Amino acid sequence: MIREKNFKLKGSNGLPIVIDAFFKPNQSPKPVVVFCHGYKGFKDWGAWNLVAEHFAENHFFFVKFNFSHNGGTPELPIDFPNLEAFAQDNYTKQLYDLQCVIDWLLNDNRFAANINTQKIHLIGHSRGGGIVLLKANQEKKVSTVTTWAGVSDFASRFPSGEKLTQWQKDKVYYVENGRTKQHMPHNIQFYEDFIEHKEDLDISKAARNLKIPQLIIHAKGDTSVKVKEAEQLQEWNPKAKMFLLEESNHVFDTQHPWGKDEMSASLKQIVNKSIQFIKNN
């Protein structure tokens, strides 16, 4: 298996998108899976490398990447050494970055012999689920879209009332990262960009308009993104398939770092469900 790690594409505002590609190098075109991480996430979080290997073993060309403003760097792609970039992140930039990855797959790729450009599948975790739903509605080259613990809206996640007023006054607010203990800055541009592009960032509209197969995966025990958001997504698109885990959490019983050489039972289950769904479509 080829594990091509930490190569770069030019992303939003010229910052690098750091990418990994996992595949079996047999020079036969394989369906592509592009995976998008979530809020305070990164491509090497937890067991994501094991996920990539499992997809590759099942004859996919699997791509995962760090959004250009996720706070990582090419030299340090794990965690958040570049909080200045993190403060400038927003949903519009993430959609731009994802499009850069798709365009690279379609047009300018040294792995072309191993890629079937007619079969591009998107998977997003948590906030990344919202991003892939929006992109799946925009980009005609996408064949299927799958969300793992995906969000159903962005608006409700912003501060409101006095907290929003204070943010607008201070121009920045901070959220502590429970694991790294960093105080992670969110500049007011994040909110302003959302308001400016609200129509384009409407997940409900994207879900209602989807013309491709959709799979919704969620754990009933998720306390970060409640299962009602999965139910909302299916209500907007009744044709979507939904798979609910009775016993699991937002990260499917994994953590970072993940020192084991196997996925958790829950994660392996959803990976296999996703593979089955993609192969059937």
Protein backbone atom coordinates (compact mmCIF):
# COMPACT_ATOMS: atom_id res chain seq x y z
CA MET A 1 0.00 0.00 0.00
CA ILE A 2 1.14 3.53 -0.80
CA ARG A 3 0.84 6.06 2.02
CA GLU A 4 1.78 9.37 0.47
CA LYS A 5 1.83 11.82 3.39
CA ASN A 6 1.93 15.58 3.81
CA PHE A 7 2.15 16.86 0.26
CA LYS A 8 0.78 20.30 -0.45
CA LEU A 9 -1.74 22.11 -2.60
CA LYS A 10 -2.26 25.85 -2.68
CA GLY A 11 -5.39 26.64 -0.71
CA SER A 12 -7.38 29.65 0.43
CA ASN A 13 -5.37 32.90 0.68
CA GLY A 14 -2.35 30.99 -0.59
CA LEU A 15 -1.98 28.88 2.53
CA PRO A 16 -1.15 25.19 1.95
CA ILE A 17 -3.65 22.36 2.07
CA VAL A 18 -1.70 19.41 3.49
CA ILE A 19 -2.84 16.12 1.96
CA ASP A 20 -2.46 12.37 2.43
CA ALA A 21 -3.29 9.74 -0.19
CA PHE A 22 -3.67 6.02 0.61
CA PHE A 23 -4.07 3.45 -2.17
CA LYS A 24 -2.89 0.17 -3.66
CA PRO A 25 -0.54 1.01 -6.55
CA ASN A 26 -1.80 -1.42 -9.18
CA GLN A 27 -2.24 1.23 -11.90
CA SER A 28 -5.96 0.54 -12.16
CA PRO A 29 -8.46 3.39 -11.73
CA LYS A 30 -10.10 3.30 -8.30
CA PRO A 31 -13.07 5.22 -6.91
CA VAL A 32 -11.96 8.18 -4.84
CA VAL A 33 -13.01 8.97 -1.28
CA VAL A 34 -12.26 12.47 0.04
CA PHE A 35 -12.51 12.84 3.82
CA CYS A 36 -13.06 16.18 5.58
CA HIS A 37 -12.26 16.64 9.27
CA GLY A 38 -14.36 18.69 11.65
CA TYR A 39 -13.98 21.62 14.05
CA LYS A 40 -10.68 21.59 15.94
CA GLY A 41 -9.84 18.55 13.85
CA PHE A 42 -7.03 17.48 11.56
CA LYS A 43 -6.33 14.70 9.08
CA ASP A 44 -4.19 12.64 11.48
CA TRP A 45 -6.55 12.85 14.45
CA GLY A 46 -7.18 9.64 16.35
CA ALA A 47 -7.75 6.63 14.12
CA TRP A 48 -8.19 8.47 10.81
CA ASN A 49 -5.03 6.84 9.41
CA LEU A 50 -6.53 3.41 10.14
CA VAL A 51 -9.70 4.51 8.37
CA ALA A 52 -7.62 5.51 5.35
CA GLU A 53 -5.85 2.15 5.31
CA HIS A 54 -9.13 0.24 5.51
CA PHE A 55 -10.58 2.12 2.54
CA ALA A 56 -7.38 1.55 0.56
CA GLU A 57 -7.48 -2.17 1.36
CA ASN A 58 -10.98 -2.16 -0.12
CA HIS A 59 -9.67 -0.76 -3.41
CA PHE A 60 -10.38 2.93 -2.95
CA PHE A 61 -8.09 5.89 -3.53
CA PHE A 62 -8.51 7.60 -0.15
CA VAL A 63 -7.64 11.26 0.37
CA LYS A 64 -7.68 13.15 3.65
CA PHE A 65 -6.39 16.65 4.21
CA ASN A 66 -6.04 19.57 6.57
CA PHE A 67 -8.05 22.62 5.63
CA SER A 68 -5.66 25.47 4.88
CA HIS A 69 -6.69 27.45 7.96
CA ASN A 70 -7.20 24.59 10.43
CA GLY A 71 -4.21 25.71 12.50
CA GLY A 72 -1.71 23.10 11.33
CA THR A 73 1.34 23.59 9.12
CA PRO A 74 3.12 21.34 6.58
CA GLU A 75 5.91 20.84 9.10
CA LEU A 76 3.54 20.28 12.03
CA PRO A 77 0.27 18.96 10.56
CA ILE A 78 -0.90 17.57 13.90
CA ASP A 79 -2.50 19.95 16.43
CA PHE A 80 -2.52 23.73 16.11
CA PRO A 81 0.84 25.50 15.89
CA ASN A 82 -0.61 28.27 13.69
CA LEU A 83 -3.41 29.87 15.70
CA GLU A 84 -3.16 33.01 13.59
CA ALA A 85 -4.41 31.01 10.60
CA PHE A 86 -7.03 29.26 12.75
CA ALA A 87 -8.45 32.67 13.70
CA GLN A 88 -8.97 33.45 10.01
CA ASP A 89 -10.77 30.21 9.16
CA ASN A 90 -14.34 30.24 7.89
CA TYR A 91 -16.79 28.04 6.00
CA THR A 92 -16.22 29.79 2.67
CA LYS A 93 -12.50 29.04 2.88
CA GLN A 94 -13.19 25.40 3.70
CA LEU A 95 -15.46 25.03 0.66
CA TYR A 96 -12.75 26.64 -1.47
CA ASP A 97 -10.15 24.22 -0.11
CA LEU A 98 -12.36 21.20 -0.78
CA GLN A 99 -12.87 22.42 -4.34
CA CYS A 100 -9.09 22.72 -4.73
CA VAL A 101 -8.74 19.07 -3.70
CA ILE A 102 -11.46 17.98 -6.13
CA ASP A 103 -9.91 20.02 -8.97
CA TRP A 104 -6.51 18.49 -8.22
CA LEU A 105 -8.03 15.01 -8.47
CA LEU A 106 -9.70 15.85 -11.76
CA ASN A 107 -7.05 17.86 -13.54
CA ASP A 108 -3.52 17.78 -12.21
CA ASN A 109 -2.68 14.57 -10.50
CA ARG A 110 0.47 12.44 -10.54
CA PHE A 111 -1.66 9.54 -9.29
CA ALA A 112 -3.95 9.69 -12.33
CA ALA A 113 -3.45 6.03 -13.29
CA ASN A 114 -4.92 5.00 -9.94
CA ILE A 115 -7.91 7.36 -9.97
CA ASN A 116 -11.37 6.97 -11.45
CA THR A 117 -12.45 10.59 -11.79
CA GLN A 118 -16.02 9.50 -12.55
CA LYS A 119 -16.36 8.18 -9.00
CA ILE A 120 -15.65 10.86 -6.40
CA HIS A 121 -17.24 10.28 -3.00
CA LEU A 122 -17.25 12.75 -0.10
CA ILE A 123 -17.23 11.87 3.60
CA GLY A 124 -17.25 14.49 6.35
CA HIS A 125 -17.07 14.21 10.12
CA SER A 126 -18.97 16.66 12.36
CA ARG A 127 -18.58 20.17 10.91
CA GLY A 128 -16.93 18.53 7.91
CA GLY A 129 -20.27 16.82 7.33
CA GLY A 130 -21.88 20.19 6.73
CA ILE A 131 -19.10 21.15 4.34
CA VAL A 132 -19.41 17.98 2.24
CA LEU A 133 -23.20 18.36 2.01
CA LEU A 134 -22.81 21.89 0.70
CA LYS A 135 -20.14 20.83 -1.78
CA ALA A 136 -22.12 17.79 -2.95
CA ASN A 137 -24.93 20.14 -3.91
CA GLN A 138 -22.54 22.46 -5.77
CA GLU A 139 -20.14 20.10 -7.55
CA LYS A 140 -21.55 17.87 -10.29
CA LYS A 141 -18.53 15.54 -10.20
CA VAL A 142 -19.47 14.22 -6.74
CA SER A 143 -21.08 10.76 -6.87
CA THR A 144 -22.19 10.23 -3.24
CA VAL A 145 -22.01 12.07 0.07
CA THR A 146 -21.73 10.56 3.56
CA THR A 147 -21.81 12.32 6.92
CA TRP A 148 -20.40 10.91 10.13
CA ALA A 149 -21.91 12.76 13.12
CA GLY A 150 -22.60 15.60 10.71
CA VAL A 151 -24.08 18.95 11.65
CA SER A 152 -27.39 20.07 10.15
CA ASP A 153 -26.77 23.81 10.39
CA PHE A 154 -24.04 26.35 11.05
CA ALA A 155 -26.04 29.37 12.28
CA SER A 156 -26.98 27.95 15.68
CA ARG A 157 -23.32 27.34 16.53
CA PHE A 158 -22.41 31.02 16.63
CA PRO A 159 -22.66 33.06 19.84
CA SER A 160 -25.85 35.10 20.16
CA GLY A 161 -27.21 37.95 22.26
CA GLU A 162 -24.71 39.54 24.63
CA LYS A 163 -21.96 37.08 23.66
CA LEU A 164 -22.30 38.05 20.00
CA THR A 165 -22.29 41.75 20.91
CA GLN A 166 -19.12 41.27 22.94
CA TRP A 167 -17.50 39.35 20.08
CA GLN A 168 -18.33 42.16 17.67
CA LYS A 169 -16.83 44.65 20.12
CA ASP A 170 -13.66 42.67 20.88
CA LYS A 171 -13.27 41.35 17.29
CA VAL A 172 -12.15 37.97 18.68
CA TYR A 173 -13.35 35.32 21.10
CA TYR A 174 -11.52 32.29 22.43
CA VAL A 175 -12.49 28.65 22.94
CA GLU A 176 -10.30 26.44 25.09
CA ASN A 177 -9.16 23.19 23.54
CA GLY A 178 -9.74 20.66 26.30
CA ARG A 179 -6.93 18.40 25.12
CA THR A 180 -4.15 20.86 24.22
CA LYS A 181 -5.31 23.60 26.65
CA GLN A 182 -4.77 26.19 23.91
CA HIS A 183 -7.08 29.19 23.82
CA MET A 184 -8.15 29.08 20.20
CA PRO A 185 -9.05 32.44 18.63
CA HIS A 186 -12.07 33.05 16.43
CA ASN A 187 -11.93 36.40 14.69
CA ILE A 188 -15.20 38.20 13.98
CA GLN A 189 -14.59 37.66 10.24
CA PHE A 190 -15.81 34.07 10.81
CA TYR A 191 -19.28 35.36 11.68
CA GLU A 192 -19.24 38.19 9.15
CA ASP A 193 -18.34 35.81 6.33
CA PHE A 194 -21.17 33.49 7.34
CA ILE A 195 -23.70 36.33 7.28
CA GLU A 196 -22.41 37.52 3.90
CA HIS A 197 -22.70 34.03 2.38
CA LYS A 198 -25.64 32.73 4.39
CA GLU A 199 -27.59 31.50 1.37
CA ASP A 200 -24.62 29.54 0.06
CA LEU A 201 -23.99 28.03 3.51
CA ASP A 202 -27.55 26.78 4.07
CA ILE A 203 -27.22 23.04 4.78
CA SER A 204 -30.99 22.51 4.77
CA LYS A 205 -31.26 23.90 1.25
CA ALA A 206 -28.35 21.75 0.08
CA ALA A 207 -29.85 18.59 1.60
CA ARG A 208 -33.25 19.27 0.03
CA ASN A 209 -31.67 19.81 -3.38
CA LEU A 210 -29.36 16.79 -3.38
CA LYS A 211 -29.63 14.67 -6.52
CA ILE A 212 -27.07 12.03 -5.51
CA PRO A 213 -27.13 9.18 -2.95
CA GLN A 214 -26.68 10.31 0.65
CA LEU A 215 -25.76 8.30 3.75
CA ILE A 216 -26.27 9.71 7.26
CA ILE A 217 -24.37 8.00 10.08
CA HIS A 218 -24.76 9.09 13.70
CA ALA A 219 -24.44 7.71 17.21
CA LYS A 220 -27.45 8.03 19.50
CA GLY A 221 -25.07 8.78 22.37
CA ASP A 222 -23.43 11.73 20.60
CA THR A 223 -23.43 14.68 23.03
CA SER A 224 -21.51 17.07 20.73
CA VAL A 225 -23.85 16.88 17.73
CA LYS A 226 -27.17 15.45 18.85
CA VAL A 227 -28.84 12.69 16.87
CA LYS A 228 -31.78 15.02 16.14
CA GLU A 229 -29.49 16.71 13.59
CA ALA A 230 -29.19 13.41 11.69
CA GLU A 231 -32.97 13.06 11.82
CA GLN A 232 -33.31 16.61 10.50
CA LEU A 233 -31.02 15.80 7.57
CA GLN A 234 -33.13 12.80 6.65
CA GLU A 235 -36.33 14.82 6.96
CA TRP A 236 -34.91 17.25 4.39
CA ASN A 237 -33.91 14.39 2.09
CA PRO A 238 -36.20 11.37 2.66
CA LYS A 239 -34.27 9.41 0.02
CA ALA A 240 -31.15 9.47 2.20
CA LYS A 241 -30.07 6.28 3.93
CA MET A 242 -29.57 6.56 7.69
CA PHE A 243 -27.62 4.32 10.04
CA LEU A 244 -27.77 5.01 13.79
CA LEU A 245 -25.40 3.44 16.28
CA GLU A 246 -27.16 2.50 19.50
CA GLU A 247 -24.03 2.68 21.65
CA SER A 248 -21.29 5.12 20.69
CA ASN A 249 -20.26 8.78 20.82
CA HIS A 250 -19.27 11.72 18.61
CA VAL A 251 -15.90 10.19 17.68
CA PHE A 252 -17.14 6.58 17.53
CA ASP A 253 -15.29 5.48 20.65
CA THR A 254 -11.88 6.74 19.58
CA GLN A 255 -9.65 9.51 20.92
CA HIS A 256 -6.45 11.36 20.15
CA PRO A 257 -3.87 10.03 20.31
CA TRP A 258 -5.07 6.57 19.30
CA GLY A 259 -2.32 4.14 20.23
CA LYS A 260 -3.99 0.97 18.97
CA ASP A 261 -3.39 -0.77 15.66
CA GLU A 262 -7.10 -1.38 15.08
CA MET A 263 -10.13 0.87 14.85
CA SER A 264 -12.72 0.81 17.60
CA ALA A 265 -15.63 -1.56 16.95
CA SER A 266 -17.96 1.40 16.32
CA LEU A 267 -15.61 3.10 13.89
CA LYS A 268 -14.98 -0.13 12.00
CA GLN A 269 -18.73 -0.63 11.75
CA ILE A 270 -19.38 2.79 10.23
CA VAL A 271 -16.41 2.48 7.87
CA ASN A 272 -17.77 -0.82 6.57
CA LYS A 273 -21.28 0.66 6.26
CA SER A 274 -19.82 3.55 4.27
CA ILE A 275 -17.84 1.24 1.99
CA GLN A 276 -20.93 -0.89 1.34
CA PHE A 277 -23.00 2.22 0.58
CA ILE A 278 -20.43 3.62 -1.84
CA LYS A 279 -19.96 0.31 -3.65
CA ASN A 280 -23.73 -0.01 -4.06
CA ASN A 281 -23.94 3.41 -5.66
